[in-house]
Amino acid sequence: MAKDWAKAFYKSAAWQKCRDSYIAKRQAIDGGLCEECSEELGYIVHHQTLLTPENINDPNISLNHELLKYDCKRCHDYEEAHLRPDPDRRYRFDGTGQLVEVRNEGDKAE
């Protein structure tokens, strides 16, 4: 689900037009297969650059076909859970797949 600060963007006509044109482009290329696994049909247009409150209104980032991917649900959910952990989570996976604790800025290192 979109964060509160992103909801207006995802409901905007500009995003809907960009999303629809990207899906049409992918369907013309390979029938709309997932760009990650090429095994299932795409399900969601995914931003390769993490959107933030600072960059979401920059069309060179948020509406740029070069920075989008069409992923199946499985690949999208895997990437969201493992490569882009929620900053509110207490644990995340590191680059080697190991579970590591996420410390708050106020926590002291041991």
N, C-alpha and C. Protein backbone atom coordinates (compact mmCIF):
# COMPACT_ATOMS: atom_id res chain seq x y z
N MET A 1 0.84 -1.17 0.00
CA MET A 1 0.00 0.00 0.00
C MET A 1 0.89 1.24 0.00
N ALA A 2 0.47 2.23 -0.72
CA ALA A 2 1.23 3.47 -0.81
C ALA A 2 1.23 4.21 0.53
N LYS A 3 2.34 4.83 0.80
CA LYS A 3 2.45 5.65 2.01
C LYS A 3 1.55 6.88 1.82
N ASP A 4 1.14 7.49 2.92
CA ASP A 4 0.22 8.63 2.86
C ASP A 4 0.73 9.73 1.93
N TRP A 5 2.02 10.03 1.98
CA TRP A 5 2.57 11.12 1.17
C TRP A 5 2.59 10.78 -0.32
N ALA A 6 2.40 9.50 -0.68
CA ALA A 6 2.45 9.10 -2.08
C ALA A 6 1.07 8.85 -2.69
N LYS A 7 0.04 8.81 -1.89
CA LYS A 7 -1.29 8.44 -2.38
C LYS A 7 -1.79 9.37 -3.49
N ALA A 8 -1.60 10.66 -3.34
CA ALA A 8 -2.07 11.59 -4.37
C ALA A 8 -1.34 11.34 -5.70
N PHE A 9 -0.05 11.05 -5.63
CA PHE A 9 0.71 10.77 -6.85
C PHE A 9 0.13 9.56 -7.57
N TYR A 10 -0.09 8.46 -6.84
CA TYR A 10 -0.57 7.24 -7.48
C TYR A 10 -2.00 7.35 -8.00
N LYS A 11 -2.74 8.33 -7.53
CA LYS A 11 -4.09 8.58 -8.05
C LYS A 11 -4.09 9.60 -9.18
N SER A 12 -2.95 10.22 -9.45
CA SER A 12 -2.90 11.30 -10.44
C SER A 12 -3.05 10.79 -11.87
N ALA A 13 -3.57 11.65 -12.71
CA ALA A 13 -3.72 11.33 -14.13
C ALA A 13 -2.35 11.09 -14.77
N ALA A 14 -1.35 11.85 -14.35
CA ALA A 14 0.00 11.70 -14.92
C ALA A 14 0.54 10.31 -14.65
N TRP A 15 0.40 9.81 -13.41
CA TRP A 15 0.90 8.46 -13.10
C TRP A 15 0.08 7.41 -13.84
N GLN A 16 -1.23 7.54 -13.88
CA GLN A 16 -2.07 6.56 -14.56
C GLN A 16 -1.71 6.47 -16.05
N LYS A 17 -1.47 7.62 -16.67
CA LYS A 17 -1.09 7.64 -18.08
C LYS A 17 0.28 6.99 -18.28
N CYS A 18 1.23 7.33 -17.41
CA CYS A 18 2.58 6.76 -17.49
C CYS A 18 2.53 5.25 -17.29
N ARG A 19 1.81 4.81 -16.27
CA ARG A 19 1.69 3.39 -15.95
C ARG A 19 1.07 2.63 -17.13
N ASP A 20 -0.03 3.14 -17.66
CA ASP A 20 -0.71 2.47 -18.76
C ASP A 20 0.17 2.40 -20.00
N SER A 21 0.90 3.47 -20.29
CA SER A 21 1.76 3.46 -21.48
C SER A 21 2.95 2.52 -21.28
N TYR A 22 3.44 2.39 -20.05
CA TYR A 22 4.54 1.46 -19.79
C TYR A 22 4.07 0.01 -19.94
N ILE A 23 2.88 -0.30 -19.43
CA ILE A 23 2.33 -1.65 -19.59
C ILE A 23 2.13 -1.97 -21.07
N ALA A 24 1.60 -1.02 -21.83
CA ALA A 24 1.40 -1.23 -23.26
C ALA A 24 2.72 -1.48 -23.96
N LYS A 25 3.75 -0.75 -23.58
CA LYS A 25 5.09 -0.93 -24.15
C LYS A 25 5.60 -2.34 -23.85
N ARG A 26 5.46 -2.79 -22.61
CA ARG A 26 5.93 -4.12 -22.22
C ARG A 26 5.12 -5.21 -22.92
N GLN A 27 3.83 -5.00 -23.10
CA GLN A 27 3.01 -5.99 -23.79
C GLN A 27 3.43 -6.10 -25.25
N ALA A 28 3.82 -5.00 -25.87
CA ALA A 28 4.28 -5.03 -27.26
C ALA A 28 5.64 -5.73 -27.38
N ILE A 29 6.46 -5.64 -26.35
CA ILE A 29 7.80 -6.24 -26.39
C ILE A 29 7.75 -7.75 -26.19
N ASP A 30 7.08 -8.20 -25.13
CA ASP A 30 7.13 -9.63 -24.81
C ASP A 30 5.81 -10.18 -24.28
N GLY A 31 4.73 -9.49 -24.57
CA GLY A 31 3.43 -9.95 -24.10
C GLY A 31 3.13 -9.55 -22.67
N GLY A 32 4.02 -8.76 -22.06
CA GLY A 32 3.80 -8.28 -20.70
C GLY A 32 4.37 -9.19 -19.62
N LEU A 33 5.42 -9.94 -19.96
CA LEU A 33 6.05 -10.81 -18.96
C LEU A 33 6.77 -10.00 -17.90
N CYS A 34 6.88 -10.59 -16.72
CA CYS A 34 7.64 -9.98 -15.63
C CYS A 34 9.06 -9.72 -16.10
N GLU A 35 9.55 -8.52 -15.88
CA GLU A 35 10.90 -8.18 -16.30
C GLU A 35 11.97 -8.80 -15.40
N GLU A 36 11.59 -9.30 -14.26
CA GLU A 36 12.54 -9.91 -13.33
C GLU A 36 12.73 -11.40 -13.64
N CYS A 37 11.64 -12.17 -13.69
CA CYS A 37 11.74 -13.62 -13.85
C CYS A 37 11.37 -14.11 -15.25
N SER A 38 10.64 -13.34 -16.01
CA SER A 38 10.15 -13.72 -17.35
C SER A 38 9.34 -15.01 -17.34
N GLU A 39 8.76 -15.36 -16.18
CA GLU A 39 7.99 -16.59 -16.06
C GLU A 39 6.49 -16.33 -15.91
N GLU A 40 6.13 -15.20 -15.36
CA GLU A 40 4.73 -14.87 -15.13
C GLU A 40 4.43 -13.53 -15.78
N LEU A 41 3.14 -13.25 -15.96
CA LEU A 41 2.75 -11.95 -16.50
C LEU A 41 3.00 -10.87 -15.46
N GLY A 42 3.33 -9.70 -15.95
CA GLY A 42 3.51 -8.56 -15.07
C GLY A 42 2.23 -8.26 -14.31
N TYR A 43 2.41 -7.71 -13.13
CA TYR A 43 1.29 -7.41 -12.24
C TYR A 43 1.30 -5.96 -11.79
N ILE A 44 2.51 -5.40 -11.62
CA ILE A 44 2.63 -4.05 -11.06
C ILE A 44 3.80 -3.33 -11.71
N VAL A 45 3.59 -2.06 -12.01
CA VAL A 45 4.68 -1.22 -12.50
C VAL A 45 5.43 -0.73 -11.27
N HIS A 46 6.72 -1.04 -11.24
CA HIS A 46 7.56 -0.83 -10.07
C HIS A 46 8.61 0.24 -10.35
N HIS A 47 8.77 1.17 -9.43
CA HIS A 47 9.83 2.18 -9.54
C HIS A 47 11.16 1.56 -9.11
N GLN A 48 12.15 1.62 -9.98
CA GLN A 48 13.47 1.10 -9.64
C GLN A 48 14.21 2.03 -8.69
N THR A 49 13.90 3.30 -8.75
CA THR A 49 14.44 4.28 -7.80
C THR A 49 13.39 4.47 -6.72
N LEU A 50 13.75 4.21 -5.50
CA LEU A 50 12.82 4.35 -4.39
C LEU A 50 12.26 5.77 -4.35
N LEU A 51 10.95 5.88 -4.41
CA LEU A 51 10.33 7.20 -4.33
C LEU A 51 10.32 7.69 -2.89
N THR A 52 10.60 8.96 -2.73
CA THR A 52 10.63 9.60 -1.42
C THR A 52 9.81 10.88 -1.50
N PRO A 53 9.49 11.48 -0.37
CA PRO A 53 8.79 12.78 -0.43
C PRO A 53 9.59 13.83 -1.20
N GLU A 54 10.90 13.68 -1.23
CA GLU A 54 11.74 14.66 -1.92
C GLU A 54 11.76 14.48 -3.43
N ASN A 55 11.58 13.25 -3.94
CA ASN A 55 11.72 13.04 -5.39
C ASN A 55 10.42 12.65 -6.10
N ILE A 56 9.36 12.42 -5.38
CA ILE A 56 8.14 11.92 -6.00
C ILE A 56 7.54 12.91 -7.01
N ASN A 57 7.78 14.18 -6.85
CA ASN A 57 7.24 15.18 -7.78
C ASN A 57 8.21 15.53 -8.90
N ASP A 58 9.32 14.80 -8.99
CA ASP A 58 10.28 14.99 -10.07
C ASP A 58 9.93 13.99 -11.18
N PRO A 59 9.34 14.46 -12.28
CA PRO A 59 8.92 13.53 -13.33
C PRO A 59 10.08 12.77 -13.96
N ASN A 60 11.30 13.28 -13.85
CA ASN A 60 12.46 12.56 -14.37
C ASN A 60 12.73 11.29 -13.57
N ILE A 61 12.17 11.21 -12.39
CA ILE A 61 12.30 10.01 -11.55
C ILE A 61 10.99 9.24 -11.51
N SER A 62 9.91 9.90 -11.15
CA SER A 62 8.65 9.20 -10.90
C SER A 62 7.87 8.82 -12.16
N LEU A 63 8.11 9.49 -13.27
CA LEU A 63 7.36 9.23 -14.50
C LEU A 63 8.27 8.82 -15.66
N ASN A 64 9.45 8.35 -15.37
CA ASN A 64 10.47 8.03 -16.38
C ASN A 64 10.42 6.53 -16.70
N HIS A 65 10.06 6.18 -17.92
CA HIS A 65 10.00 4.77 -18.32
C HIS A 65 11.34 4.05 -18.10
N GLU A 66 12.44 4.76 -18.20
CA GLU A 66 13.75 4.14 -18.01
C GLU A 66 13.97 3.68 -16.57
N LEU A 67 13.18 4.20 -15.65
CA LEU A 67 13.34 3.86 -14.23
C LEU A 67 12.19 3.00 -13.72
N LEU A 68 11.42 2.39 -14.63
CA LEU A 68 10.30 1.55 -14.24
C LEU A 68 10.57 0.10 -14.62
N LYS A 69 9.88 -0.82 -13.97
CA LYS A 69 9.90 -2.24 -14.29
C LYS A 69 8.48 -2.77 -14.16
N TYR A 70 8.17 -3.77 -14.97
CA TYR A 70 6.87 -4.43 -14.89
C TYR A 70 7.13 -5.80 -14.27
N ASP A 71 6.74 -5.97 -13.01
CA ASP A 71 7.04 -7.18 -12.26
C ASP A 71 5.78 -7.97 -11.95
N CYS A 72 5.94 -9.30 -11.85
CA CYS A 72 4.85 -10.13 -11.34
C CYS A 72 4.74 -9.88 -9.83
N LYS A 73 3.66 -10.30 -9.23
CA LYS A 73 3.45 -10.05 -7.81
C LYS A 73 4.53 -10.70 -6.96
N ARG A 74 4.91 -11.93 -7.29
CA ARG A 74 5.92 -12.64 -6.51
C ARG A 74 7.25 -11.88 -6.50
N CYS A 75 7.73 -11.48 -7.67
CA CYS A 75 9.01 -10.76 -7.74
C CYS A 75 8.92 -9.39 -7.06
N HIS A 76 7.81 -8.69 -7.27
CA HIS A 76 7.65 -7.38 -6.64
C HIS A 76 7.64 -7.50 -5.13
N ASP A 77 6.87 -8.45 -4.60
CA ASP A 77 6.78 -8.60 -3.15
C ASP A 77 8.12 -9.02 -2.55
N TYR A 78 8.86 -9.87 -3.26
CA TYR A 78 10.17 -10.30 -2.78
C TYR A 78 11.11 -9.10 -2.68
N GLU A 79 11.14 -8.29 -3.73
CA GLU A 79 12.03 -7.14 -3.72
C GLU A 79 11.64 -6.14 -2.63
N GLU A 80 10.37 -5.88 -2.49
CA GLU A 80 9.92 -4.95 -1.46
C GLU A 80 10.30 -5.43 -0.07
N ALA A 81 10.15 -6.72 0.19
CA ALA A 81 10.41 -7.25 1.52
C ALA A 81 11.90 -7.41 1.81
N HIS A 82 12.69 -7.70 0.79
CA HIS A 82 14.09 -8.03 1.02
C HIS A 82 15.08 -6.94 0.62
N LEU A 83 14.80 -6.22 -0.42
CA LEU A 83 15.77 -5.22 -0.88
C LEU A 83 15.43 -3.81 -0.44
N ARG A 84 14.18 -3.58 -0.12
CA ARG A 84 13.75 -2.25 0.32
C ARG A 84 12.97 -2.39 1.61
N PRO A 85 13.66 -2.74 2.68
CA PRO A 85 12.92 -2.95 3.93
C PRO A 85 12.24 -1.68 4.42
N ASP A 86 11.12 -1.87 5.07
CA ASP A 86 10.38 -0.78 5.67
C ASP A 86 11.25 -0.17 6.76
N PRO A 87 11.46 1.13 6.75
CA PRO A 87 12.33 1.74 7.77
C PRO A 87 11.81 1.58 9.19
N ASP A 88 10.54 1.23 9.35
CA ASP A 88 9.98 1.03 10.69
C ASP A 88 10.21 -0.38 11.21
N ARG A 89 10.71 -1.28 10.37
CA ARG A 89 10.97 -2.64 10.82
C ARG A 89 12.19 -2.66 11.72
N ARG A 90 12.19 -3.60 12.62
CA ARG A 90 13.32 -3.75 13.54
C ARG A 90 14.41 -4.63 12.95
N TYR A 91 14.10 -5.40 11.90
CA TYR A 91 15.06 -6.29 11.27
C TYR A 91 14.98 -6.12 9.76
N ARG A 92 16.07 -6.44 9.08
CA ARG A 92 16.10 -6.41 7.62
C ARG A 92 17.10 -7.46 7.16
N PHE A 93 17.17 -7.70 5.86
CA PHE A 93 18.15 -8.60 5.30
C PHE A 93 19.32 -7.78 4.77
N ASP A 94 20.55 -8.22 5.04
CA ASP A 94 21.72 -7.52 4.51
C ASP A 94 22.00 -8.03 3.10
N GLY A 95 23.07 -7.55 2.48
CA GLY A 95 23.41 -7.91 1.11
C GLY A 95 23.70 -9.38 0.90
N THR A 96 23.99 -10.12 1.97
CA THR A 96 24.26 -11.55 1.84
C THR A 96 23.06 -12.40 2.22
N GLY A 97 21.93 -11.76 2.53
CA GLY A 97 20.73 -12.49 2.88
C GLY A 97 20.60 -12.81 4.36
N GLN A 98 21.50 -12.28 5.18
CA GLN A 98 21.45 -12.52 6.62
C GLN A 98 20.53 -11.51 7.28
N LEU A 99 19.78 -11.98 8.28
CA LEU A 99 18.89 -11.12 9.03
C LEU A 99 19.72 -10.30 10.01
N VAL A 100 19.54 -8.97 9.99
CA VAL A 100 20.29 -8.10 10.89
C VAL A 100 19.32 -7.15 11.58
N GLU A 101 19.65 -6.79 12.80
CA GLU A 101 18.83 -5.85 13.55
C GLU A 101 19.06 -4.44 13.05
N VAL A 102 17.99 -3.69 12.94
CA VAL A 102 18.08 -2.29 12.55
C VAL A 102 18.01 -1.47 13.82
N ARG A 103 18.99 -0.64 14.03
CA ARG A 103 19.03 0.18 15.23
C ARG A 103 18.40 1.54 14.96
N ASN A 104 17.76 2.07 15.95
CA ASN A 104 17.24 3.43 15.88
C ASN A 104 18.42 4.38 16.06
N GLU A 105 18.31 5.59 15.53
CA GLU A 105 19.41 6.56 15.66
C GLU A 105 19.77 6.82 17.12
N GLY A 106 18.81 6.72 18.01
CA GLY A 106 19.07 6.99 19.42
C GLY A 106 19.72 5.84 20.16
N ASP A 107 19.78 4.64 19.55
CA ASP A 107 20.39 3.50 20.21
C ASP A 107 21.89 3.64 20.22
N LYS A 108 22.51 3.20 21.30
CA LYS A 108 23.96 3.22 21.40
C LYS A 108 24.53 1.92 20.87
N ALA A 109 25.63 1.99 20.14
CA ALA A 109 26.30 0.79 19.65
C ALA A 109 26.93 0.06 20.83
N GLU A 110 26.91 -1.27 20.75
CA GLU A 110 27.51 -2.07 21.83
C GLU A 110 28.95 -2.34 21.54
